[in-house]
Amino acid sequence: MSYLPSAPHHAVTASSAGERVGLGFMTLFGGALCAAGLAGVALVLARAFTASGA
């Protein structure tokens, strides 16, 4: 969804099937990147605590 800050009452959504597919792909890709980042942080923390003997 996008809008003009000067006219927020006039919002525009994806109008074609291709745009919706593209938005869905970007959402899934972003979610996968977020999940990979969180998994990487968890792995680093796990290795840090295991190596220090804590």
PDB file of N, CA and C in Angstrom:
ATOM      1  N   MET A   1       0.847  -1.163   0.000  1.00  0.00           N
ATOM      2  CA  MET A   1       0.000   0.000   0.000  1.00  0.00           C
ATOM      3  C   MET A   1       0.900   1.235   0.000  1.00  0.00           C
ATOM      4  N   SER A   2       0.518   2.196  -0.751  1.00  0.00           N
ATOM      5  CA  SER A   2       1.267   3.445  -0.768  1.00  0.00           C
ATOM      6  C   SER A   2       0.298   4.612  -0.759  1.00  0.00           C
ATOM      7  N   TYR A   3       0.795   5.752  -0.301  1.00  0.00           N
ATOM      8  CA  TYR A   3      -0.025   6.950  -0.262  1.00  0.00           C
ATOM      9  C   TYR A   3       0.865   8.172  -0.319  1.00  0.00           C
ATOM     10  N   LEU A   4       0.262   9.278  -0.643  1.00  0.00           N
ATOM     11  CA  LEU A   4       0.976  10.542  -0.636  1.00  0.00           C
ATOM     12  C   LEU A   4       0.839  11.153   0.754  1.00  0.00           C
ATOM     13  N   PRO A   5       1.941  11.518   1.392  1.00  0.00           N
ATOM     14  CA  PRO A   5       1.833  12.124   2.726  1.00  0.00           C
ATOM     15  C   PRO A   5       0.945  13.372   2.743  1.00  0.00           C
ATOM     16  N   SER A   6       0.901  14.076   1.633  1.00  0.00           N
ATOM     17  CA  SER A   6       0.062  15.268   1.572  1.00  0.00           C
ATOM     18  C   SER A   6      -1.423  14.929   1.415  1.00  0.00           C
ATOM     19  N   ALA A   7      -1.730  13.694   0.997  1.00  0.00           N
ATOM     20  CA  ALA A   7      -3.123  13.252   0.833  1.00  0.00           C
ATOM     21  C   ALA A   7      -3.258  11.810   1.322  1.00  0.00           C
ATOM     22  N   PRO A   8      -3.156  11.590   2.645  1.00  0.00           N
ATOM     23  CA  PRO A   8      -3.181  10.210   3.162  1.00  0.00           C
ATOM     24  C   PRO A   8      -4.521   9.500   2.955  1.00  0.00           C
ATOM     25  N   HIS A   9      -5.572  10.249   2.691  1.00  0.00           N
ATOM     26  CA  HIS A   9      -6.874   9.627   2.458  1.00  0.00           C
ATOM     27  C   HIS A   9      -6.933   8.932   1.093  1.00  0.00           C
ATOM     28  N   HIS A  10      -5.943   9.161   0.241  1.00  0.00           N
ATOM     29  CA  HIS A  10      -5.919   8.556  -1.100  1.00  0.00           C
ATOM     30  C   HIS A  10      -4.820   7.489  -1.138  1.00  0.00           C
ATOM     31  N   ALA A  11      -5.121   6.299  -0.614  1.00  0.00           N
ATOM     32  CA  ALA A  11      -4.165   5.198  -0.595  1.00  0.00           C
ATOM     33  C   ALA A  11      -4.370   4.314  -1.821  1.00  0.00           C
ATOM     34  N   VAL A  12      -3.289   3.701  -2.302  1.00  0.00           N
ATOM     35  CA  VAL A  12      -3.338   2.837  -3.479  1.00  0.00           C
ATOM     36  C   VAL A  12      -2.738   1.482  -3.105  1.00  0.00           C
ATOM     37  N   THR A  13      -3.433   0.422  -3.481  1.00  0.00           N
ATOM     38  CA  THR A  13      -2.936  -0.921  -3.226  1.00  0.00           C
ATOM     39  C   THR A  13      -2.503  -1.566  -4.542  1.00  0.00           C
ATOM     40  N   ALA A  14      -1.915  -2.745  -4.450  1.00  0.00           N
ATOM     41  CA  ALA A  14      -1.502  -3.476  -5.649  1.00  0.00           C
ATOM     42  C   ALA A  14      -2.743  -3.772  -6.487  1.00  0.00           C
ATOM     43  N   SER A  15      -2.670  -3.455  -7.754  1.00  0.00           N
ATOM     44  CA  SER A  15      -3.868  -3.575  -8.587  1.00  0.00           C
ATOM     45  C   SER A  15      -3.861  -4.792  -9.505  1.00  0.00           C
ATOM     46  N   SER A  16      -2.694  -5.312  -9.848  1.00  0.00           N
ATOM     47  CA  SER A  16      -2.665  -6.440 -10.769  1.00  0.00           C
ATOM     48  C   SER A  16      -2.171  -7.695 -10.053  1.00  0.00           C
ATOM     49  N   ALA A  17      -2.401  -8.829 -10.673  1.00  0.00           N
ATOM     50  CA  ALA A  17      -1.961 -10.100 -10.090  1.00  0.00           C
ATOM     51  C   ALA A  17      -0.433 -10.146 -10.001  1.00  0.00           C
ATOM     52  N   GLY A  18       0.240  -9.603 -10.988  1.00  0.00           N
ATOM     53  CA  GLY A  18       1.698  -9.588 -10.971  1.00  0.00           C
ATOM     54  C   GLY A  18       2.251  -8.779  -9.809  1.00  0.00           C
ATOM     55  N   GLU A  19       1.610  -7.655  -9.523  1.00  0.00           N
ATOM     56  CA  GLU A  19       2.043  -6.843  -8.386  1.00  0.00           C
ATOM     57  C   GLU A  19       1.821  -7.585  -7.074  1.00  0.00           C
ATOM     58  N   ARG A  20       0.702  -8.276  -6.952  1.00  0.00           N
ATOM     59  CA  ARG A  20       0.427  -9.032  -5.720  1.00  0.00           C
ATOM     60  C   ARG A  20       1.419 -10.171  -5.547  1.00  0.00           C
ATOM     61  N   VAL A  21       1.761 -10.850  -6.635  1.00  0.00           N
ATOM     62  CA  VAL A  21       2.749 -11.927  -6.563  1.00  0.00           C
ATOM     63  C   VAL A  21       4.105 -11.354  -6.162  1.00  0.00           C
ATOM     64  N   GLY A  22       4.472 -10.230  -6.758  1.00  0.00           N
ATOM     65  CA  GLY A  22       5.741  -9.590  -6.411  1.00  0.00           C
ATOM     66  C   GLY A  22       5.796  -9.169  -4.957  1.00  0.00           C
ATOM     67  N   LEU A  23       4.707  -8.600  -4.465  1.00  0.00           N
ATOM     68  CA  LEU A  23       4.663  -8.201  -3.061  1.00  0.00           C
ATOM     69  C   LEU A  23       4.730  -9.418  -2.141  1.00  0.00           C
ATOM     70  N   GLY A  24       4.055 -10.481  -2.529  1.00  0.00           N
ATOM     71  CA  GLY A  24       4.119 -11.717  -1.733  1.00  0.00           C
ATOM     72  C   GLY A  24       5.519 -12.285  -1.702  1.00  0.00           C
ATOM     73  N   PHE A  25       6.193 -12.275  -2.855  1.00  0.00           N
ATOM     74  CA  PHE A  25       7.564 -12.773  -2.906  1.00  0.00           C
ATOM     75  C   PHE A  25       8.479 -11.932  -2.028  1.00  0.00           C
ATOM     76  N   MET A  26       8.345 -10.607  -2.111  1.00  0.00           N
ATOM     77  CA  MET A  26       9.192  -9.739  -1.291  1.00  0.00           C
ATOM     78  C   MET A  26       8.931  -9.959   0.194  1.00  0.00           C
ATOM     79  N   THR A  27       7.682 -10.194   0.567  1.00  0.00           N
ATOM     80  CA  THR A  27       7.349 -10.460   1.962  1.00  0.00           C
ATOM     81  C   THR A  27       7.982 -11.766   2.430  1.00  0.00           C
ATOM     82  N   LEU A  28       7.865 -12.819   1.617  1.00  0.00           N
ATOM     83  CA  LEU A  28       8.460 -14.108   1.980  1.00  0.00           C
ATOM     84  C   LEU A  28       9.981 -14.025   2.037  1.00  0.00           C
ATOM     85  N   PHE A  29      10.578 -13.323   1.087  1.00  0.00           N
ATOM     86  CA  PHE A  29      12.030 -13.166   1.057  1.00  0.00           C
ATOM     87  C   PHE A  29      12.508 -12.393   2.287  1.00  0.00           C
ATOM     88  N   GLY A  30      11.805 -11.332   2.632  1.00  0.00           N
ATOM     89  CA  GLY A  30      12.154 -10.558   3.821  1.00  0.00           C
ATOM     90  C   GLY A  30      12.008 -11.380   5.088  1.00  0.00           C
ATOM     91  N   GLY A  31      10.957 -12.179   5.166  1.00  0.00           N
ATOM     92  CA  GLY A  31      10.773 -13.058   6.329  1.00  0.00           C
ATOM     93  C   GLY A  31      11.878 -14.094   6.437  1.00  0.00           C
ATOM     94  N   ALA A  32      12.304 -14.625   5.288  1.00  0.00           N
ATOM     95  CA  ALA A  32      13.396 -15.605   5.291  1.00  0.00           C
ATOM     96  C   ALA A  32      14.708 -14.956   5.736  1.00  0.00           C
ATOM     97  N   LEU A  33      14.967 -13.746   5.281  1.00  0.00           N
ATOM     98  CA  LEU A  33      16.178 -13.035   5.712  1.00  0.00           C
ATOM     99  C   LEU A  33      16.145 -12.755   7.208  1.00  0.00           C
ATOM    100  N   CYS A  34      14.999 -12.372   7.719  1.00  0.00           N
ATOM    101  CA  CYS A  34      14.849 -12.113   9.147  1.00  0.00           C
ATOM    102  C   CYS A  34      15.082 -13.393   9.949  1.00  0.00           C
ATOM    103  N   ALA A  35      14.497 -14.490   9.513  1.00  0.00           N
ATOM    104  CA  ALA A  35      14.668 -15.768  10.198  1.00  0.00           C
ATOM    105  C   ALA A  35      16.129 -16.211  10.160  1.00  0.00           C
ATOM    106  N   ALA A  36      16.799 -16.036   9.025  1.00  0.00           N
ATOM    107  CA  ALA A  36      18.209 -16.413   8.922  1.00  0.00           C
ATOM    108  C   ALA A  36      19.063 -15.545   9.847  1.00  0.00           C
ATOM    109  N   GLY A  37      18.741 -14.268   9.945  1.00  0.00           N
ATOM    110  CA  GLY A  37      19.479 -13.386  10.842  1.00  0.00           C
ATOM    111  C   GLY A  37      19.310 -13.786  12.294  1.00  0.00           C
ATOM    112  N   LEU A  38      18.088 -14.106  12.692  1.00  0.00           N
ATOM    113  CA  LEU A  38      17.846 -14.539  14.068  1.00  0.00           C
ATOM    114  C   LEU A  38      18.532 -15.871  14.359  1.00  0.00           C
ATOM    115  N   ALA A  39      18.518 -16.783  13.391  1.00  0.00           N
ATOM    116  CA  ALA A  39      19.201 -18.061  13.572  1.00  0.00           C
ATOM    117  C   ALA A  39      20.707 -17.852  13.692  1.00  0.00           C
ATOM    118  N   GLY A  40      21.253 -16.920  12.921  1.00  0.00           N
ATOM    119  CA  GLY A  40      22.678 -16.617  13.009  1.00  0.00           C
ATOM    120  C   GLY A  40      23.053 -16.049  14.367  1.00  0.00           C
ATOM    121  N   VAL A  41      22.235 -15.167  14.889  1.00  0.00           N
ATOM    122  CA  VAL A  41      22.494 -14.607  16.222  1.00  0.00           C
ATOM    123  C   VAL A  41      22.420 -15.708  17.273  1.00  0.00           C
ATOM    124  N   ALA A  42      21.419 -16.573  17.172  1.00  0.00           N
ATOM    125  CA  ALA A  42      21.292 -17.674  18.127  1.00  0.00           C
ATOM    126  C   ALA A  42      22.510 -18.598  18.056  1.00  0.00           C
ATOM    127  N   LEU A  43      22.999 -18.863  16.854  1.00  0.00           N
ATOM    128  CA  LEU A  43      24.167 -19.726  16.693  1.00  0.00           C
ATOM    129  C   LEU A  43      25.408 -19.087  17.309  1.00  0.00           C
ATOM    130  N   VAL A  44      25.607 -17.803  17.078  1.00  0.00           N
ATOM    131  CA  VAL A  44      26.756 -17.103  17.639  1.00  0.00           C
ATOM    132  C   VAL A  44      26.682 -17.104  19.161  1.00  0.00           C
ATOM    133  N   LEU A  45      25.513 -16.836  19.708  1.00  0.00           N
ATOM    134  CA  LEU A  45      25.364 -16.829  21.158  1.00  0.00           C
ATOM    135  C   LEU A  45      25.588 -18.230  21.750  1.00  0.00           C
ATOM    136  N   ALA A  46      25.061 -19.241  21.089  1.00  0.00           N
ATOM    137  CA  ALA A  46      25.236 -20.612  21.568  1.00  0.00           C
ATOM    138  C   ALA A  46      26.707 -20.995  21.578  1.00  0.00           C
ATOM    139  N   ARG A  47      27.435 -20.631  20.520  1.00  0.00           N
ATOM    140  CA  ARG A  47      28.864 -20.934  20.468  1.00  0.00           C
ATOM    141  C   ARG A  47      29.634 -20.156  21.522  1.00  0.00           C
ATOM    142  N   ALA A  48      29.243 -18.903  21.771  1.00  0.00           N
ATOM    143  CA  ALA A  48      29.925 -18.075  22.759  1.00  0.00           C
ATOM    144  C   ALA A  48      29.759 -18.654  24.159  1.00  0.00           C
ATOM    145  N   PHE A  49      28.543 -19.073  24.504  1.00  0.00           N
ATOM    146  CA  PHE A  49      28.309 -19.623  25.836  1.00  0.00           C
ATOM    147  C   PHE A  49      28.927 -21.004  25.990  1.00  0.00           C
ATOM    148  N   THR A  50      28.970 -21.774  24.911  1.00  0.00           N
ATOM    149  CA  THR A  50      29.569 -23.115  24.969  1.00  0.00           C
ATOM    150  C   THR A  50      31.093 -22.997  25.101  1.00  0.00           C
ATOM    151  N   ALA A  51      31.698 -22.082  24.371  1.00  0.00           N
ATOM    152  CA  ALA A  51      33.147 -21.921  24.399  1.00  0.00           C
ATOM    153  C   ALA A  51      33.636 -21.363  25.726  1.00  0.00           C
ATOM    154  N   SER A  52      32.835 -20.512  26.377  1.00  0.00           N
ATOM    155  CA  SER A  52      33.280 -19.903  27.625  1.00  0.00           C
ATOM    156  C   SER A  52      33.042 -20.808  28.814  1.00  0.00           C
ATOM    157  N   GLY A  53      32.263 -21.869  28.625  1.00  0.00           N
ATOM    158  CA  GLY A  53      31.995 -22.802  29.720  1.00  0.00           C
ATOM    159  C   GLY A  53      30.936 -22.302  30.677  1.00  0.00           C
ATOM    160  N   ALA A  54      30.157 -21.349  30.263  1.00  0.00           N
ATOM    161  CA  ALA A  54      29.135 -20.778  31.149  1.00  0.00           C
ATOM    162  C   ALA A  54      27.920 -21.657  31.263  1.00  0.00           C
TER     163      ALA A  54
END
